Amino acid sequence: MSELDNLNDNFENDMKMQKVKEEVLKKFEEYKTTMAFMAADAPISILCLKEPIEKALIAHGLLRVYDLFDCDFVKVKGLGEARVRELATCLDQFFSML
């Protein structure tokens, strides 16, 4: 009878731990989403862009990271193919740190 009680207790503990694990994973996903939104509100200077790229973005009115999300970089004066590629690399590095 004692072994059956121990088995039942272990099963209940496993179920509780599974529920806690699911709750922690859910909260972690919420945290990651919040952090992504907060990071996107950062000024573009956080991307450590070269000065000509940063000046071109600011002149175009792009002051925050989230401003870059829907931007057509072809329309930004002063950004050529190489600078757009460098900007994309900096954005990738920035979001990989999140």
C-alpha atoms as a PDB file:
ATOM      1  CA  MET A   1       0.000   0.000   0.000  1.00  0.00           C
ATOM      2  CA  SER A   2       2.878   2.364   0.817  1.00  0.00           C
ATOM      3  CA  GLU A   3       4.410   1.885  -2.630  1.00  0.00           C
ATOM      4  CA  LEU A   4       1.077   2.715  -4.246  1.00  0.00           C
ATOM      5  CA  ASP A   5       0.820   5.899  -2.159  1.00  0.00           C
ATOM      6  CA  ASN A   6       4.380   6.876  -3.137  1.00  0.00           C
ATOM      7  CA  LEU A   7       3.604   6.226  -6.784  1.00  0.00           C
ATOM      8  CA  ASN A   8       0.448   8.323  -6.534  1.00  0.00           C
ATOM      9  CA  ASP A   9       2.366  11.152  -4.812  1.00  0.00           C
ATOM     10  CA  ASN A  10       5.058  11.048  -7.473  1.00  0.00           C
ATOM     11  CA  PHE A  11       2.430  11.184 -10.196  1.00  0.00           C
ATOM     12  CA  GLU A  12       0.731  14.171  -8.543  1.00  0.00           C
ATOM     13  CA  ASN A  13       4.083  15.930  -8.126  1.00  0.00           C
ATOM     14  CA  ASP A  14       4.893  15.310 -11.784  1.00  0.00           C
ATOM     15  CA  MET A  15       1.538  16.780 -12.795  1.00  0.00           C
ATOM     16  CA  LYS A  16       2.142  19.848 -10.619  1.00  0.00           C
ATOM     17  CA  MET A  17       5.627  20.309 -12.034  1.00  0.00           C
ATOM     18  CA  GLN A  18       4.277  20.032 -15.579  1.00  0.00           C
ATOM     19  CA  LYS A  19       1.718  22.740 -14.829  1.00  0.00           C
ATOM     20  CA  VAL A  20       4.387  24.992 -13.295  1.00  0.00           C
ATOM     21  CA  LYS A  21       6.626  24.408 -16.318  1.00  0.00           C
ATOM     22  CA  GLU A  22       3.814  25.396 -18.686  1.00  0.00           C
ATOM     23  CA  GLU A  23       3.107  28.551 -16.672  1.00  0.00           C
ATOM     24  CA  VAL A  24       6.789  29.526 -16.640  1.00  0.00           C
ATOM     25  CA  LEU A  25       7.094  28.992 -20.398  1.00  0.00           C
ATOM     26  CA  LYS A  26       3.964  31.088 -20.988  1.00  0.00           C
ATOM     27  CA  LYS A  27       5.297  33.910 -18.799  1.00  0.00           C
ATOM     28  CA  PHE A  28       8.674  33.712 -20.535  1.00  0.00           C
ATOM     29  CA  GLU A  29       7.004  34.119 -23.940  1.00  0.00           C
ATOM     30  CA  GLU A  30       5.090  37.140 -22.620  1.00  0.00           C
ATOM     31  CA  TYR A  31       8.350  38.553 -21.270  1.00  0.00           C
ATOM     32  CA  LYS A  32      10.125  38.050 -24.609  1.00  0.00           C
ATOM     33  CA  THR A  33       7.300  39.846 -26.419  1.00  0.00           C
ATOM     34  CA  THR A  34       7.411  42.735 -23.965  1.00  0.00           C
ATOM     35  CA  MET A  35      11.181  43.006 -24.285  1.00  0.00           C
ATOM     36  CA  ALA A  36      10.942  43.042 -28.077  1.00  0.00           C
ATOM     37  CA  PHE A  37       8.458  45.926 -27.941  1.00  0.00           C
ATOM     38  CA  MET A  38      10.598  47.805 -25.458  1.00  0.00           C
ATOM     39  CA  ALA A  39      13.732  47.260 -27.515  1.00  0.00           C
ATOM     40  CA  ALA A  40      11.993  48.454 -30.657  1.00  0.00           C
ATOM     41  CA  ASP A  41      11.278  51.756 -28.901  1.00  0.00           C
ATOM     42  CA  ALA A  42      14.997  52.407 -28.532  1.00  0.00           C
ATOM     43  CA  PRO A  43      16.660  55.198 -30.501  1.00  0.00           C
ATOM     44  CA  ILE A  44      18.463  54.113 -33.654  1.00  0.00           C
ATOM     45  CA  SER A  45      21.782  55.099 -32.091  1.00  0.00           C
ATOM     46  CA  ILE A  46      21.598  51.823 -30.154  1.00  0.00           C
ATOM     47  CA  LEU A  47      22.304  50.007 -33.415  1.00  0.00           C
ATOM     48  CA  CYS A  48      25.847  51.503 -33.553  1.00  0.00           C
ATOM     49  CA  LEU A  49      25.456  52.413 -37.204  1.00  0.00           C
ATOM     50  CA  LYS A  50      28.105  54.252 -39.153  1.00  0.00           C
ATOM     51  CA  GLU A  51      27.562  57.993 -39.074  1.00  0.00           C
ATOM     52  CA  PRO A  52      26.425  58.420 -42.724  1.00  0.00           C
ATOM     53  CA  ILE A  53      23.767  55.723 -42.323  1.00  0.00           C
ATOM     54  CA  GLU A  54      22.490  57.163 -39.056  1.00  0.00           C
ATOM     55  CA  LYS A  55      22.391  60.695 -40.490  1.00  0.00           C
ATOM     56  CA  ALA A  56      20.464  59.508 -43.563  1.00  0.00           C
ATOM     57  CA  LEU A  57      17.906  57.723 -41.377  1.00  0.00           C
ATOM     58  CA  ILE A  58      17.447  60.713 -39.083  1.00  0.00           C
ATOM     59  CA  ALA A  59      17.101  63.071 -42.045  1.00  0.00           C
ATOM     60  CA  HIS A  60      14.341  60.776 -43.321  1.00  0.00           C
ATOM     61  CA  GLY A  61      12.578  61.017 -39.939  1.00  0.00           C
ATOM     62  CA  LEU A  62      13.507  57.552 -38.681  1.00  0.00           C
ATOM     63  CA  LEU A  63      14.419  58.096 -35.052  1.00  0.00           C
ATOM     64  CA  ARG A  64      13.491  54.797 -33.350  1.00  0.00           C
ATOM     65  CA  VAL A  65      14.180  51.160 -34.154  1.00  0.00           C
ATOM     66  CA  TYR A  66      10.468  50.511 -34.723  1.00  0.00           C
ATOM     67  CA  ASP A  67      10.466  53.251 -37.381  1.00  0.00           C
ATOM     68  CA  LEU A  68      12.682  50.970 -39.468  1.00  0.00           C
ATOM     69  CA  PHE A  69      10.206  48.068 -39.537  1.00  0.00           C
ATOM     70  CA  ASP A  70       7.952  49.347 -42.334  1.00  0.00           C
ATOM     71  CA  CYS A  71      10.436  51.611 -44.041  1.00  0.00           C
ATOM     72  CA  ASP A  72      11.244  51.329 -47.742  1.00  0.00           C
ATOM     73  CA  PHE A  73      14.980  51.939 -47.599  1.00  0.00           C
ATOM     74  CA  VAL A  74      15.115  52.583 -51.358  1.00  0.00           C
ATOM     75  CA  LYS A  75      13.323  55.878 -50.675  1.00  0.00           C
ATOM     76  CA  VAL A  76      15.842  56.985 -48.036  1.00  0.00           C
ATOM     77  CA  LYS A  77      18.338  59.368 -49.616  1.00  0.00           C
ATOM     78  CA  GLY A  78      21.935  58.481 -48.847  1.00  0.00           C
ATOM     79  CA  LEU A  79      21.367  54.744 -48.457  1.00  0.00           C
ATOM     80  CA  GLY A  80      22.745  52.590 -51.209  1.00  0.00           C
ATOM     81  CA  GLU A  81      22.785  48.841 -51.473  1.00  0.00           C
ATOM     82  CA  ALA A  82      25.886  48.426 -49.325  1.00  0.00           C
ATOM     83  CA  ARG A  83      24.561  50.686 -46.571  1.00  0.00           C
ATOM     84  CA  VAL A  84      21.185  48.957 -46.543  1.00  0.00           C
ATOM     85  CA  ARG A  85      22.985  45.622 -46.221  1.00  0.00           C
ATOM     86  CA  GLU A  86      25.030  47.005 -43.312  1.00  0.00           C
ATOM     87  CA  LEU A  87      21.867  48.359 -41.677  1.00  0.00           C
ATOM     88  CA  ALA A  88      20.214  44.950 -42.004  1.00  0.00           C
ATOM     89  CA  THR A  89      23.244  43.315 -40.405  1.00  0.00           C
ATOM     90  CA  CYS A  90      23.115  45.737 -37.463  1.00  0.00           C
ATOM     91  CA  LEU A  91      19.387  45.075 -37.014  1.00  0.00           C
ATOM     92  CA  ASP A  92      19.991  41.313 -37.073  1.00  0.00           C
ATOM     93  CA  GLN A  93      22.685  41.652 -34.429  1.00  0.00           C
ATOM     94  CA  PHE A  94      20.461  43.857 -32.292  1.00  0.00           C
ATOM     95  CA  PHE A  95      17.511  41.462 -32.344  1.00  0.00           C
ATOM     96  CA  SER A  96      19.686  38.398 -31.842  1.00  0.00           C
ATOM     97  CA  MET A  97      20.686  39.853 -28.450  1.00  0.00           C
ATOM     98  CA  LEU A  98      17.055  39.871 -27.293  1.00  0.00           C
END
